[in-house]
Amino acid sequence: MHVFKYSIREGTVAAKMKNQIDGNIKEQRSERLIKLSNNNETEFMKKSIGKTLEVLFEEKQENGYTEGHTTNYIVIEAEGENLENTIQKVKIDTIEGNILRGKIL
């Protein structure tokens, strides 16, 4: 989910509308939506633990893992040599922050 707060743009029809929302309320709403989005993302990612997913590996990371994405854009890290620009099956075993980690099959 992408969250954008409305901001008045001079000369637009919306800028002339009555009952504009206070900036503090917009900020609170935005924070709530971002928190909800993060929770939803984590819950979605947890459902992948134990599953085997296809991953397009793209870039070696400083932590020794290679990072890639599933077909639905979940970030995956796995250990292995020469994974960049390959598609591999990965068994997902952990979640760290907003990244899933797994082992190449």
C-alpha atoms as a PDB file:
ATOM      1  CA  MET A   1       0.000   0.000   0.000  1.00  0.00           C
ATOM      2  CA  HIS A   2       1.301   3.457  -0.838  1.00  0.00           C
ATOM      3  CA  VAL A   3       0.187   6.291   1.423  1.00  0.00           C
ATOM      4  CA  PHE A   4       0.132   9.876   0.190  1.00  0.00           C
ATOM      5  CA  LYS A   5      -1.205  12.828   2.140  1.00  0.00           C
ATOM      6  CA  TYR A   6      -3.258  15.300   0.145  1.00  0.00           C
ATOM      7  CA  SER A   7      -1.718  18.732  -0.011  1.00  0.00           C
ATOM      8  CA  ILE A   8      -3.353  21.834  -1.447  1.00  0.00           C
ATOM      9  CA  ARG A   9      -2.232  22.851  -4.934  1.00  0.00           C
ATOM     10  CA  GLU A  10      -3.066  26.450  -5.735  1.00  0.00           C
ATOM     11  CA  GLY A  11      -5.317  26.890  -8.749  1.00  0.00           C
ATOM     12  CA  THR A  12      -6.936  23.450  -8.487  1.00  0.00           C
ATOM     13  CA  VAL A  13     -10.606  22.777  -7.866  1.00  0.00           C
ATOM     14  CA  ALA A  14      -9.690  20.784  -4.735  1.00  0.00           C
ATOM     15  CA  ALA A  15      -7.860  23.793  -3.253  1.00  0.00           C
ATOM     16  CA  LYS A  16     -11.140  25.737  -3.314  1.00  0.00           C
ATOM     17  CA  MET A  17     -13.156  23.043  -1.530  1.00  0.00           C
ATOM     18  CA  LYS A  18     -14.592  23.776   1.891  1.00  0.00           C
ATOM     19  CA  ASN A  19     -13.918  21.664   4.972  1.00  0.00           C
ATOM     20  CA  GLN A  20     -10.217  21.020   4.317  1.00  0.00           C
ATOM     21  CA  ILE A  21      -8.704  18.473   6.723  1.00  0.00           C
ATOM     22  CA  ASP A  22      -6.271  19.796   9.341  1.00  0.00           C
ATOM     23  CA  GLY A  23      -2.627  18.882   8.676  1.00  0.00           C
ATOM     24  CA  ASN A  24      -2.282  17.160  12.068  1.00  0.00           C
ATOM     25  CA  ILE A  25      -5.236  14.915  11.314  1.00  0.00           C
ATOM     26  CA  LYS A  26      -3.765  14.052   7.914  1.00  0.00           C
ATOM     27  CA  GLU A  27      -0.461  13.176   9.614  1.00  0.00           C
ATOM     28  CA  GLN A  28      -2.196  10.930  12.176  1.00  0.00           C
ATOM     29  CA  ARG A  29      -4.195   9.162   9.486  1.00  0.00           C
ATOM     30  CA  SER A  30      -1.096   8.681   7.382  1.00  0.00           C
ATOM     31  CA  GLU A  31       0.821   7.158  10.298  1.00  0.00           C
ATOM     32  CA  ARG A  32      -2.065   4.775  11.045  1.00  0.00           C
ATOM     33  CA  LEU A  33      -2.248   3.646   7.423  1.00  0.00           C
ATOM     34  CA  ILE A  34       1.515   3.118   7.200  1.00  0.00           C
ATOM     35  CA  LYS A  35       1.444   1.043  10.406  1.00  0.00           C
ATOM     36  CA  LEU A  36      -1.462  -1.017   9.047  1.00  0.00           C
ATOM     37  CA  SER A  37       0.382  -1.510   5.762  1.00  0.00           C
ATOM     38  CA  ASN A  38       3.541  -2.669   7.551  1.00  0.00           C
ATOM     39  CA  ASN A  39       1.542  -5.113   9.698  1.00  0.00           C
ATOM     40  CA  ASN A  40      -0.252  -6.467   6.631  1.00  0.00           C
ATOM     41  CA  GLU A  41       3.054  -6.906   4.802  1.00  0.00           C
ATOM     42  CA  THR A  42       4.573  -8.787   7.738  1.00  0.00           C
ATOM     43  CA  GLU A  43       1.543 -11.080   8.035  1.00  0.00           C
ATOM     44  CA  PHE A  44       1.633 -11.744   4.285  1.00  0.00           C
ATOM     45  CA  MET A  45       5.342 -12.554   4.419  1.00  0.00           C
ATOM     46  CA  LYS A  46       4.922 -14.897   7.409  1.00  0.00           C
ATOM     47  CA  LYS A  47       2.641 -17.042   5.249  1.00  0.00           C
ATOM     48  CA  SER A  48       5.654 -17.759   3.006  1.00  0.00           C
ATOM     49  CA  ILE A  49       7.721 -19.377   5.776  1.00  0.00           C
ATOM     50  CA  GLY A  50       8.094 -23.080   5.021  1.00  0.00           C
ATOM     51  CA  LYS A  51       7.154 -22.627   1.373  1.00  0.00           C
ATOM     52  CA  THR A  52       9.330 -22.960  -1.703  1.00  0.00           C
ATOM     53  CA  LEU A  53       9.333 -19.856  -3.909  1.00  0.00           C
ATOM     54  CA  GLU A  54      10.988 -18.988  -7.198  1.00  0.00           C
ATOM     55  CA  VAL A  55      13.335 -16.024  -6.811  1.00  0.00           C
ATOM     56  CA  LEU A  56      15.067 -13.859  -9.401  1.00  0.00           C
ATOM     57  CA  PHE A  57      18.372 -13.022  -7.735  1.00  0.00           C
ATOM     58  CA  GLU A  58      19.775  -9.611  -8.513  1.00  0.00           C
ATOM     59  CA  GLU A  59      22.504  -8.352  -6.222  1.00  0.00           C
ATOM     60  CA  LYS A  60      25.116  -9.629  -3.763  1.00  0.00           C
ATOM     61  CA  GLN A  61      24.769  -7.886  -0.398  1.00  0.00           C
ATOM     62  CA  GLU A  62      27.510  -6.853   2.031  1.00  0.00           C
ATOM     63  CA  ASN A  63      26.113  -9.314   4.584  1.00  0.00           C
ATOM     64  CA  GLY A  64      27.110 -12.243   2.334  1.00  0.00           C
ATOM     65  CA  TYR A  65      23.605 -12.974   1.082  1.00  0.00           C
ATOM     66  CA  THR A  66      22.323 -12.406  -2.434  1.00  0.00           C
ATOM     67  CA  GLU A  67      19.065 -10.482  -2.703  1.00  0.00           C
ATOM     68  CA  GLY A  68      16.260 -11.093  -5.126  1.00  0.00           C
ATOM     69  CA  HIS A  69      12.504 -10.900  -5.572  1.00  0.00           C
ATOM     70  CA  THR A  70       9.678 -13.375  -5.932  1.00  0.00           C
ATOM     71  CA  THR A  71       7.107 -13.016  -8.690  1.00  0.00           C
ATOM     72  CA  ASN A  72       5.001 -10.933  -6.290  1.00  0.00           C
ATOM     73  CA  TYR A  73       7.931  -8.685  -5.306  1.00  0.00           C
ATOM     74  CA  ILE A  74       8.773 -10.106  -1.874  1.00  0.00           C
ATOM     75  CA  VAL A  75      12.431  -9.444  -1.062  1.00  0.00           C
ATOM     76  CA  ILE A  76      14.352 -12.685  -0.466  1.00  0.00           C
ATOM     77  CA  GLU A  77      17.937 -13.237   0.644  1.00  0.00           C
ATOM     78  CA  ALA A  78      19.837 -16.506   0.316  1.00  0.00           C
ATOM     79  CA  GLU A  79      23.422 -17.683   0.520  1.00  0.00           C
ATOM     80  CA  GLY A  80      25.124 -19.106  -2.525  1.00  0.00           C
ATOM     81  CA  GLU A  81      27.701 -18.409  -5.193  1.00  0.00           C
ATOM     82  CA  ASN A  82      26.991 -16.769  -8.541  1.00  0.00           C
ATOM     83  CA  LEU A  83      23.273 -16.303  -7.942  1.00  0.00           C
ATOM     84  CA  GLU A  84      22.988 -12.922  -9.650  1.00  0.00           C
ATOM     85  CA  ASN A  85      20.716 -12.936 -12.712  1.00  0.00           C
ATOM     86  CA  THR A  86      19.448 -16.450 -12.044  1.00  0.00           C
ATOM     87  CA  ILE A  87      16.078 -17.804 -11.026  1.00  0.00           C
ATOM     88  CA  GLN A  88      16.305 -20.289  -8.166  1.00  0.00           C
ATOM     89  CA  LYS A  89      13.894 -22.234  -5.995  1.00  0.00           C
ATOM     90  CA  VAL A  90      14.280 -21.143  -2.377  1.00  0.00           C
ATOM     91  CA  LYS A  91      12.829 -22.781   0.745  1.00  0.00           C
ATOM     92  CA  ILE A  92      11.870 -19.889   3.039  1.00  0.00           C
ATOM     93  CA  ASP A  93      12.834 -20.397   6.680  1.00  0.00           C
ATOM     94  CA  THR A  94      12.985 -17.014   8.438  1.00  0.00           C
ATOM     95  CA  ILE A  95      11.839 -13.433   8.317  1.00  0.00           C
ATOM     96  CA  GLU A  96      14.029 -10.521   9.385  1.00  0.00           C
ATOM     97  CA  GLY A  97      12.388  -7.120   9.231  1.00  0.00           C
ATOM     98  CA  ASN A  98      10.899  -6.860   5.752  1.00  0.00           C
ATOM     99  CA  ILE A  99      13.130  -9.529   4.188  1.00  0.00           C
ATOM    100  CA  LEU A 100      12.596 -13.279   3.955  1.00  0.00           C
ATOM    101  CA  ARG A 101      15.587 -15.600   4.095  1.00  0.00           C
ATOM    102  CA  GLY A 102      15.852 -19.097   2.793  1.00  0.00           C
ATOM    103  CA  LYS A 103      18.001 -21.841   1.385  1.00  0.00           C
ATOM    104  CA  ILE A 104      18.585 -22.616  -2.277  1.00  0.00           C
ATOM    105  CA  LEU A 105      17.158 -26.017  -3.256  1.00  0.00           C
END
